[in-house]
Protein backbone atom coordinates (compact mmCIF):
# COMPACT_ATOMS: atom_id res chain seq x y z
CA UNK A 1 104.17 128.45 121.71
CA UNK A 2 105.47 125.04 120.71
CA UNK A 3 104.33 121.42 120.94
CA UNK A 4 106.32 118.26 120.44
CA UNK A 5 104.38 115.27 119.13
CA UNK A 6 106.09 112.10 120.38
CA UNK A 7 105.87 109.14 118.04
CA UNK A 8 103.91 105.96 118.66
CA UNK A 9 106.65 103.56 119.94
CA UNK A 10 106.18 101.00 117.14
CA UNK A 11 107.19 103.69 114.64
CA UNK A 12 110.58 104.09 116.30
CA UNK A 13 111.57 100.45 115.74
CA UNK A 14 110.96 100.49 112.00
CA UNK A 15 113.76 100.54 109.42
CA UNK A 16 115.07 103.97 108.44
CA UNK A 17 113.12 104.21 105.13
CA UNK A 18 109.86 103.05 106.72
CA UNK A 19 110.27 105.29 109.74
CA UNK A 20 111.00 108.27 107.51
CA UNK A 21 107.86 107.55 105.47
CA UNK A 22 105.69 107.26 108.58
CA UNK A 23 106.99 110.52 110.04
CA UNK A 24 106.47 112.32 106.74
CA UNK A 25 102.87 111.14 106.59
CA UNK A 26 102.25 112.20 110.21
CA UNK A 27 103.70 115.61 109.45
CA UNK A 28 101.44 115.99 106.41
CA UNK A 29 98.34 114.89 108.32
CA UNK A 30 99.05 117.34 111.12
CA UNK A 31 99.70 120.13 108.64
CA UNK A 32 96.32 119.54 106.97
CA UNK A 33 94.35 119.35 110.22
CA UNK A 34 96.06 122.06 112.28
CA UNK A 35 96.10 124.67 109.54
CA UNK A 36 92.32 124.33 109.43
CA UNK A 37 92.41 125.53 113.05
CA UNK A 38 94.90 128.33 112.38
CA UNK A 39 96.78 128.92 109.13
CA UNK A 40 99.83 130.25 111.02
CA UNK A 41 100.59 126.86 112.58
CA UNK A 42 103.93 125.41 111.43
CA UNK A 43 104.64 121.67 111.44
CA UNK A 44 108.10 120.17 110.98
CA UNK A 45 109.13 116.52 111.04
CA UNK A 46 112.26 115.22 112.76
CA UNK A 47 113.79 111.79 113.27
CA UNK A 48 112.22 111.20 116.69
CA UNK A 49 109.29 113.66 116.83
CA UNK A 50 107.17 116.20 115.02
CA UNK A 51 107.27 119.82 116.18
CA UNK A 52 104.27 122.14 116.03
CA UNK A 53 104.59 125.86 116.64
CA UNK A 54 102.54 129.04 116.31
CA UNK A 55 103.25 132.67 117.21
CA UNK A 56 102.03 134.14 120.47
CA UNK A 57 100.57 132.59 123.64
CA UNK A 58 96.89 132.17 122.78
CA UNK A 59 95.57 129.77 125.46
CA UNK A 60 92.28 129.08 123.66
CA UNK A 61 94.07 128.31 120.41
CA UNK A 62 96.51 126.10 122.29
CA UNK A 63 93.64 124.07 123.75
CA UNK A 64 92.03 123.63 120.32
CA UNK A 65 95.30 122.44 118.82
CA UNK A 66 95.81 119.94 121.65
CA UNK A 67 92.28 118.61 121.20
CA UNK A 68 92.91 118.13 117.48
CA UNK A 69 96.30 116.46 117.98
CA UNK A 70 94.94 114.04 120.58
CA UNK A 71 92.74 112.57 117.85
CA UNK A 72 95.48 112.12 115.22
CA UNK A 73 96.69 108.52 114.80
CA UNK A 74 100.46 108.07 115.14
CA UNK A 75 101.05 110.28 118.20
CA UNK A 76 101.88 108.76 121.59
CA UNK A 77 101.87 112.03 123.51
CA UNK A 78 101.81 115.79 122.96
CA UNK A 79 104.35 117.73 124.97
CA UNK A 80 103.61 121.42 125.51
CA UNK A 81 106.82 123.42 125.87
CA UNK A 82 108.17 126.94 126.27
CA UNK A 83 111.34 127.58 124.26
CA UNK A 84 114.20 129.83 125.40
CA UNK A 85 117.84 130.49 124.47
CA UNK A 86 120.02 128.56 126.93
CA UNK A 87 122.11 130.78 129.23
CA UNK A 88 123.17 129.40 132.62
CA UNK A 89 121.88 127.21 135.46
CA UNK A 90 120.26 130.10 137.31
CA UNK A 91 118.32 131.15 134.20
CA UNK A 92 117.06 127.57 133.82
CA UNK A 93 115.98 127.52 137.47
CA UNK A 94 114.17 130.86 137.27
CA UNK A 95 112.22 129.85 134.15
CA UNK A 96 111.36 126.47 135.64
CA UNK A 97 110.15 128.02 138.89
CA UNK A 98 107.92 130.43 136.96
CA UNK A 99 106.35 127.53 135.08
CA UNK A 100 105.98 125.06 137.97
CA UNK A 101 105.61 127.01 141.24
CA UNK A 102 101.82 126.68 141.48
CA UNK A 103 101.76 123.03 140.48
CA UNK A 104 104.38 122.15 143.09
CA UNK A 105 102.51 123.70 146.00
CA UNK A 106 102.20 120.98 148.69
CA UNK A 107 103.41 118.21 146.35
CA UNK A 108 106.56 116.14 145.94
CA UNK A 109 108.52 116.41 142.72
CA UNK A 110 111.51 115.24 140.72
CA UNK A 111 113.40 117.13 138.02
CA UNK A 112 114.04 115.21 134.81
CA UNK A 113 116.44 116.63 132.21
CA UNK A 114 116.96 115.35 128.67
CA UNK A 115 120.02 116.76 126.98
CA UNK A 116 121.54 116.54 123.51
CA UNK A 117 124.58 118.37 122.13
CA UNK A 118 127.95 119.39 123.56
CA UNK A 119 127.83 121.07 126.98
CA UNK A 120 130.23 121.57 129.89
CA UNK A 121 127.69 120.11 132.32
CA UNK A 122 125.77 116.86 132.70
CA UNK A 123 122.04 116.27 132.87
CA UNK A 124 122.38 115.15 136.52
CA UNK A 125 124.19 118.36 137.49
CA UNK A 126 121.42 120.49 136.01
CA UNK A 127 118.76 118.33 137.68
CA UNK A 128 120.38 118.82 141.09
CA UNK A 129 120.71 122.58 140.68
CA UNK A 130 117.14 123.14 139.54
CA UNK A 131 115.75 120.64 142.07
CA UNK A 132 117.57 122.33 144.93
CA UNK A 133 116.30 125.72 143.89
CA UNK A 134 112.71 124.52 143.61
CA UNK A 135 112.89 122.89 147.02
CA UNK A 136 114.11 126.14 148.62
CA UNK A 137 112.10 128.71 146.69
CA UNK A 138 108.69 127.10 146.21
CA UNK A 139 106.06 125.61 148.52
CA UNK A 140 106.74 122.08 147.30
CA UNK A 141 106.52 119.24 149.83
CA UNK A 142 109.99 118.06 148.84
CA UNK A 143 111.84 115.80 146.41
CA UNK A 144 110.77 112.21 145.81
CA UNK A 145 113.03 110.44 143.32
CA UNK A 146 110.97 107.21 143.25
CA UNK A 147 107.34 108.21 143.15
CA UNK A 148 106.97 111.98 142.74
CA UNK A 149 103.56 113.61 142.44
CA UNK A 150 104.91 116.01 139.82
CA UNK A 151 107.58 115.44 137.19
CA UNK A 152 109.44 118.63 136.31
CA UNK A 153 110.56 118.01 132.73
CA UNK A 154 113.24 120.01 130.94
CA UNK A 155 114.98 119.45 127.62
CA UNK A 156 118.27 120.99 126.55
CA UNK A 157 119.02 120.71 122.85
CA UNK A 158 122.31 122.35 121.88
CA UNK A 159 121.86 126.03 122.86
CA UNK A 160 118.09 125.88 123.36
CA UNK A 161 116.12 125.20 126.55
CA UNK A 162 112.65 123.68 126.48
CA UNK A 163 110.55 123.87 129.64
CA UNK A 164 107.78 121.27 129.52
CA UNK A 165 104.58 122.81 130.82
CA UNK A 166 102.14 119.97 130.09
CA UNK A 167 102.00 116.45 128.62
CA UNK A 168 98.83 115.26 126.89
CA UNK A 169 98.00 111.66 126.00
CA UNK A 170 97.91 110.89 122.28
CA UNK A 171 95.87 108.35 120.32
CA UNK A 172 98.76 106.04 119.42
CA UNK A 173 98.58 103.85 116.34
CA UNK A 174 99.99 104.56 112.90
CA UNK A 175 99.55 107.75 110.86
CA UNK A 176 96.44 107.64 108.72
CA UNK A 177 97.29 106.66 105.15
CA UNK A 178 100.40 104.65 105.98
CA UNK A 179 98.49 101.38 105.68
CA UNK A 180 96.28 100.26 102.80
CA UNK A 181 92.66 101.45 102.55
CA UNK A 182 89.92 99.18 103.87
CA UNK A 183 86.15 98.88 103.49
CA UNK A 184 84.26 98.73 106.80
CA UNK A 185 80.77 97.24 107.03
CA UNK A 186 79.03 99.70 109.32
CA UNK A 187 75.58 99.27 110.83
CA UNK A 188 75.91 102.08 113.37
CA UNK A 189 75.94 99.80 116.42
CA UNK A 190 78.75 99.50 118.96
CA UNK A 191 80.68 96.74 117.19
CA UNK A 192 80.93 98.16 113.68
CA UNK A 193 81.65 101.67 114.98
CA UNK A 194 84.50 100.54 117.24
CA UNK A 195 85.92 98.23 114.55
CA UNK A 196 85.97 101.15 112.09
CA UNK A 197 87.69 103.37 114.64
CA UNK A 198 90.34 100.71 115.29
CA UNK A 199 91.31 100.40 111.63
CA UNK A 200 91.49 104.19 111.35
CA UNK A 201 93.73 104.28 114.40
CA UNK A 202 95.93 101.60 112.84
CA UNK A 203 96.62 103.84 109.85
CA UNK A 204 94.09 102.67 107.25
CA UNK A 205 91.82 105.06 105.43
CA UNK A 206 88.49 103.47 106.27
CA UNK A 207 85.64 103.69 103.78
CA UNK A 208 82.12 102.88 104.98
CA UNK A 209 79.70 100.38 103.48
CA UNK A 210 76.14 100.40 104.79
CA UNK A 211 73.49 97.79 103.99
CA UNK A 212 70.15 99.49 104.48
CA UNK A 213 67.75 97.07 106.12
CA UNK A 214 65.74 99.52 108.19
CA UNK A 215 64.70 102.33 105.91
CA UNK A 216 65.48 106.01 105.84
CA UNK A 217 65.73 106.58 109.60
CA UNK A 218 68.42 103.92 109.91
CA UNK A 219 70.40 105.47 107.06
CA UNK A 220 70.29 108.88 108.74
CA UNK A 221 71.76 107.49 111.95
CA UNK A 222 74.51 105.49 110.27
CA UNK A 223 75.58 108.39 108.08
CA UNK A 224 75.76 110.58 111.15
CA UNK A 225 77.96 108.24 113.16
CA UNK A 226 80.22 107.58 110.15
CA UNK A 227 80.58 111.31 109.60
CA UNK A 228 81.38 111.76 113.30
CA UNK A 229 84.10 109.09 113.21
CA UNK A 230 85.67 110.55 110.11
CA UNK A 231 85.64 114.12 111.38
CA UNK A 232 87.20 113.17 114.72
CA UNK A 233 89.74 110.54 113.71
CA UNK A 234 90.21 110.53 109.95
CA UNK A 235 89.58 114.00 108.53
CA UNK A 236 93.09 114.33 107.05
CA UNK A 237 91.97 112.10 104.15
CA UNK A 238 88.68 111.88 102.28
CA UNK A 239 86.81 108.58 102.21
CA UNK A 240 83.64 107.20 100.64
CA UNK A 241 80.27 106.25 102.11
CA UNK A 242 78.44 103.58 100.13
CA UNK A 243 74.79 102.68 100.69
CA UNK A 244 73.38 99.42 99.33
CA UNK A 245 69.58 99.00 99.61
CA UNK A 246 69.14 95.50 101.02
CA UNK A 247 65.42 95.33 101.75
CA UNK A 248 64.71 93.24 98.62
CA UNK A 249 67.58 90.89 99.47
CA UNK A 250 66.14 90.40 102.94
CA UNK A 251 62.72 89.75 101.46
CA UNK A 252 64.15 87.09 99.17
CA UNK A 253 65.90 85.42 102.11
CA UNK A 254 62.67 85.38 104.08
CA UNK A 255 60.93 83.62 101.21
CA UNK A 256 63.67 81.23 100.07
CA UNK A 257 65.81 80.23 103.07
CA UNK A 258 64.94 78.05 106.06
CA UNK A 259 64.59 80.17 109.20
CA UNK A 260 67.45 78.42 111.01
CA UNK A 261 69.96 79.48 108.32
CA UNK A 262 68.71 82.98 107.53
CA UNK A 263 71.35 84.77 109.62
CA UNK A 264 74.32 83.02 108.00
CA UNK A 265 72.92 83.43 104.49
CA UNK A 266 72.29 87.14 105.09
CA UNK A 267 75.89 87.62 106.19
CA UNK A 268 77.13 85.71 103.13
CA UNK A 269 75.07 87.95 100.86
CA UNK A 270 76.53 91.01 102.54
CA UNK A 271 80.05 89.68 102.09
CA UNK A 272 79.41 88.95 98.42
CA UNK A 273 78.18 92.50 97.95
CA UNK A 274 81.13 93.90 99.92
CA UNK A 275 83.45 91.83 97.75
CA UNK A 276 82.17 93.49 94.60
CA UNK A 277 82.25 96.99 96.10
CA UNK A 278 85.83 96.42 97.28
CA UNK A 279 86.78 95.19 93.81
CA UNK A 280 85.31 98.32 92.25
CA UNK A 281 87.24 100.51 94.71
CA UNK A 282 90.43 98.40 94.38
CA UNK A 283 90.61 97.71 98.11
CA UNK A 284 92.41 94.74 99.66
CA UNK A 285 90.42 94.10 102.82
CA UNK A 286 86.94 94.19 104.34
CA UNK A 287 86.38 95.06 108.01
CA UNK A 288 83.56 93.76 110.21
CA UNK A 289 82.69 94.17 113.89
CA UNK A 290 82.19 90.48 114.55
CA UNK A 291 83.39 88.90 117.79
CA UNK A 292 83.62 85.15 118.35
CA UNK A 293 80.43 83.67 119.87
CA UNK A 294 78.74 87.03 120.47
CA UNK A 295 75.72 85.96 118.40
CA UNK A 296 74.75 82.75 116.62
CA UNK A 297 76.20 83.74 113.25
CA UNK A 298 79.59 84.48 114.85
CA UNK A 299 80.59 80.98 115.91
CA UNK A 300 83.78 79.73 114.29
CA UNK A 301 82.01 77.28 111.92
CA UNK A 302 79.63 80.00 110.79
CA UNK A 303 82.34 82.63 110.40
CA UNK A 304 84.29 80.21 108.25
CA UNK A 305 81.32 79.74 105.92
CA UNK A 306 80.73 83.48 105.82
CA UNK A 307 84.34 84.11 104.84
CA UNK A 308 84.15 81.50 102.06
CA UNK A 309 81.61 83.67 100.25
CA UNK A 310 84.19 86.46 99.95
CA UNK A 311 87.51 86.62 98.08
CA UNK A 312 88.91 89.58 100.01
CA UNK A 313 90.79 89.44 103.28
CA UNK A 314 88.34 89.92 106.16
CA UNK A 315 89.63 91.85 109.18
CA UNK A 316 87.86 91.51 112.53
CA UNK A 317 89.51 93.91 115.02
CA UNK A 318 87.10 92.86 117.79
CA UNK A 319 87.29 89.12 117.24
CA UNK A 320 88.19 88.21 120.86
CA UNK A 321 86.88 91.28 122.68
CA UNK A 322 84.12 91.28 125.30
CA UNK A 323 81.02 93.39 124.75
CA UNK A 324 81.55 95.60 127.85
CA UNK A 325 85.05 96.45 126.60
CA UNK A 326 83.70 97.34 123.17
CA UNK A 327 81.07 99.59 124.73
CA UNK A 328 83.70 101.25 126.91
CA UNK A 329 85.79 102.11 123.84
CA UNK A 330 82.70 103.63 122.25
CA UNK A 331 82.41 105.88 125.31
CA UNK A 332 86.08 106.88 125.10
CA UNK A 333 85.82 107.88 121.45
CA UNK A 334 82.56 109.77 121.96
CA UNK A 335 80.38 107.42 119.91
CA UNK A 336 78.34 105.84 122.72
CA UNK A 337 75.32 108.12 122.31
CA UNK A 338 75.20 107.43 118.58
CA UNK A 339 75.50 103.66 118.90
CA UNK A 340 73.17 103.26 121.87
CA UNK A 341 70.41 105.11 120.05
CA UNK A 342 70.83 103.20 116.79
CA UNK A 343 67.81 101.08 115.91
CA UNK A 344 68.53 97.36 115.70
CA UNK A 345 67.62 96.22 112.20
CA UNK A 346 68.72 92.63 111.92
CA UNK A 347 66.29 92.18 109.05
CA UNK A 348 65.88 88.46 109.57
CA UNK A 349 65.37 86.90 112.98
CA UNK A 350 65.97 83.17 112.91
CA UNK A 351 63.96 80.79 115.05
CA UNK A 352 66.53 78.54 116.75
CA UNK A 353 69.39 79.72 114.50
CA UNK A 354 72.12 77.25 113.70
CA UNK A 355 75.46 77.75 115.39
CA UNK A 356 77.19 75.07 113.29
CA UNK A 357 76.09 75.51 109.70
CA UNK A 358 77.27 72.95 107.14
CA UNK A 359 78.54 73.90 103.71
CA UNK A 360 76.29 71.51 101.82
CA UNK A 361 73.19 72.74 103.67
CA UNK A 362 74.10 76.38 103.04
CA UNK A 363 74.62 75.62 99.34
CA UNK A 364 71.19 73.96 99.15
CA UNK A 365 69.55 76.94 100.83
CA UNK A 366 71.28 79.41 98.53
CA UNK A 367 70.32 77.39 95.47
CA UNK A 368 66.75 78.60 96.08
CA UNK A 369 67.86 82.24 96.36
CA UNK A 370 67.29 84.56 93.39
CA UNK A 371 70.68 86.22 92.97
CA UNK A 372 69.19 88.81 90.64
CA UNK A 373 68.00 90.60 93.77
CA UNK A 374 71.61 90.96 94.91
CA UNK A 375 72.58 92.29 91.48
CA UNK A 376 69.76 94.83 91.59
CA UNK A 377 70.80 95.99 95.06
CA UNK A 378 74.34 96.62 93.86
CA UNK A 379 73.08 98.44 90.77
CA UNK A 380 71.16 100.79 93.07
CA UNK A 381 74.11 101.36 95.41
CA UNK A 382 75.04 105.00 96.01
CA UNK A 383 78.57 106.20 96.68
CA UNK A 384 79.38 109.67 97.98
CA UNK A 385 82.35 111.37 99.60
CA UNK A 386 81.66 111.41 103.30
CA UNK A 387 82.24 115.15 103.57
CA UNK A 388 79.62 115.73 100.88
CA UNK A 389 76.77 113.94 102.65
CA UNK A 390 74.65 117.10 102.55
CA UNK A 391 74.65 116.90 98.75
CA UNK A 392 73.09 113.45 98.72
CA UNK A 393 69.72 113.80 97.01
CA UNK A 394 68.07 111.62 99.67
CA UNK A 395 68.87 114.04 102.44
CA UNK A 396 68.94 117.37 100.63
CA UNK A 397 65.32 117.87 101.61
CA UNK A 398 63.24 120.90 100.70
CA UNK A 399 62.72 121.82 104.35
CA UNK A 400 62.30 125.52 104.94
CA UNK A 401 65.29 127.06 106.73
CA UNK A 402 64.60 129.97 109.09
CA UNK A 403 67.19 132.59 110.04
CA UNK A 404 65.28 133.83 113.09
CA UNK A 405 62.97 132.36 115.73
CA UNK A 406 59.49 133.85 115.93
CA UNK A 407 57.43 134.01 119.17
CA UNK A 408 55.28 131.04 118.13
CA UNK A 409 58.34 128.92 117.38
CA UNK A 410 60.60 126.79 119.56
CA UNK A 411 64.24 126.18 118.75
CA UNK A 412 65.21 122.52 119.25
CA UNK A 413 68.93 121.93 119.77
CA UNK A 414 69.55 118.38 118.44
CA UNK A 415 73.35 118.34 118.83
CA UNK A 416 75.04 115.65 120.93
CA UNK A 417 75.37 116.60 124.63
CA UNK A 418 79.13 117.14 124.31
CA UNK A 419 78.59 119.76 121.59
CA UNK A 420 75.78 121.39 123.54
CA UNK A 421 78.02 121.75 126.60
CA UNK A 422 81.01 122.96 124.61
CA UNK A 423 79.12 125.62 122.69
CA UNK A 424 75.72 126.32 124.34
CA UNK A 425 73.20 128.45 122.47
CA UNK A 426 72.99 131.97 123.88
CA UNK A 427 69.75 133.45 122.54
CA UNK A 428 67.99 135.52 125.23
CA UNK A 429 64.21 135.56 124.92
CA UNK A 430 64.14 132.54 122.63
CA UNK A 431 62.23 129.38 123.62
CA UNK A 432 64.86 126.61 123.40
CA UNK A 433 64.40 122.90 123.93
CA UNK A 434 67.35 120.52 124.17
CA UNK A 435 66.56 117.18 122.55
CA UNK A 436 69.64 115.28 121.28
CA UNK A 437 69.09 113.77 117.83
CA UNK A 438 68.83 110.24 119.22
CA UNK A 439 65.82 111.18 121.36
CA UNK A 440 63.93 113.10 118.67
CA UNK A 441 61.82 110.22 117.42
CA UNK A 442 60.56 109.31 120.89
CA UNK A 443 60.16 112.83 122.33
CA UNK A 444 58.93 114.90 119.38
CA UNK A 445 55.40 113.39 119.37
CA UNK A 446 55.00 114.62 122.97
CA UNK A 447 55.59 118.29 122.08
CA UNK A 448 52.75 120.80 121.75
CA UNK A 449 51.31 120.40 118.29
CA UNK A 450 50.20 124.05 117.94
CA UNK A 451 53.79 125.34 117.93
CA UNK A 452 56.39 125.21 115.18
CA UNK A 453 59.76 123.65 115.93
CA UNK A 454 63.05 124.66 114.31
CA UNK A 455 65.74 121.99 114.48
CA UNK A 456 69.31 123.21 114.94
CA UNK A 457 72.76 121.64 114.51
CA UNK A 458 76.15 123.22 113.83
CA UNK A 459 76.43 122.42 110.11
CA UNK A 460 72.77 122.21 109.21
CA UNK A 461 73.16 118.71 107.79
CA UNK A 462 71.57 116.59 110.51
CA UNK A 463 68.82 119.13 111.17
CA UNK A 464 67.78 118.83 107.51
CA UNK A 465 67.80 115.03 107.63
CA UNK A 466 65.86 114.75 110.87
CA UNK A 467 63.38 117.42 109.80
CA UNK A 468 62.68 115.49 106.62
CA UNK A 469 62.23 112.29 108.58
CA UNK A 470 59.79 113.94 111.00
CA UNK A 471 57.86 115.38 108.06
CA UNK A 472 57.61 111.91 106.56
CA UNK A 473 56.11 110.74 109.84
CA UNK A 474 53.38 113.36 109.54
CA UNK A 475 54.82 116.16 111.70
CA UNK A 476 54.27 119.20 109.48
CA UNK A 477 55.17 121.69 112.21
CA UNK A 478 58.93 121.21 111.84
CA UNK A 479 61.48 123.35 110.02
CA UNK A 480 65.19 124.00 110.44
CA UNK A 481 67.04 126.92 111.96
CA UNK A 482 70.07 128.23 110.13
CA UNK A 483 71.64 131.45 111.45
CA UNK A 484 72.21 134.13 108.86
CA UNK A 485 75.99 133.73 109.25
CA UNK A 486 75.86 130.15 107.84
């Protein structure tokens, strides 16, 4: 079976050297990702596309490859094709009828042929022959050249025929790694998650910087959504996750800064910290999820003062977007459940916050701030590779892992609903409760206290983190379930 990955249109208008570089990177990214699905997959780059092939006609494997490719930046569409040696018009018709007969039943259609190479026929002649045959020898409703219900797509390249059997929408954007790396300030809410996704889609390896204002539970959630984003849209390149403990900084702001200016000063402290982290990582830009006028600190005067505290370029992919549109994107990329369940830890809540801060007033407020607290926060910062989150000492908890479920135990499936539906647990006789991770904190206290509960997720990472968190809250009847095959 073969797929053709069509390039994002902006790639095709680049100069020859740039276009060649972009295609090479896309080919490499696809090779890395698809060979994780099946090592027999072959990827080859061409001037106007990337071709993906594997032996046989495995439908399940085909679906997995399509799902993976639909999440790779740089691809406009994925065309699924059957490849044959080109013989004559009747052979083309017979193969096309076999592929399209069921889809054409009761529907109008139009044949579309793309041809390259030297042939003794034209594309229009082949279209007419195949279209006439389909009209006579299928149950199609007829030909509609202006607005057909089904496009019958064929491609003839030299002596090879490609029958297009399906076209899947791609992610668009630029291949990951073709633009410079960026550092995204991620809080786990809708804005920072979508902003991070947008820079990944635009081709930048996106590292994550988290300012911990809300304690361990907040860190668990943010690490999970960052890991999700990376695995779905950026797994062809490794990135870093940096945590900066900011509770002491917040405490200093609460003591030293007038309540009306707390929000702006907090953002300036975050940008100063991000500046130093970006310097250490040799990154050119910082990404935030701010949108003009969404909250008091995001007015133009305040954003200007926030930017002045930072030497790096600040990118704001959402700067003019409406909140409903941002939330809709989070749904499309599968991050809505994560973001909607994320606790809101603003850290400082200003009473009548200023929407038009003045530089001299901000400087006076910050003159009372003890900057040693910011230095200490940065000294305590932790940086890990995002795919090594399980090795972080804060979440590598000593929670007992069980390989079987006893009669007095209940298995709790904490995976997101999409994962639960895609791969449901099939364990006859086992007591199973489905509680997605984002409902655990509210629903776990309502469970029967005399039973033990084994948390389950695919990789065992989030079950360990949430089990530790529940233990810290006083729930000693929680363990994790890890099948013996793990």
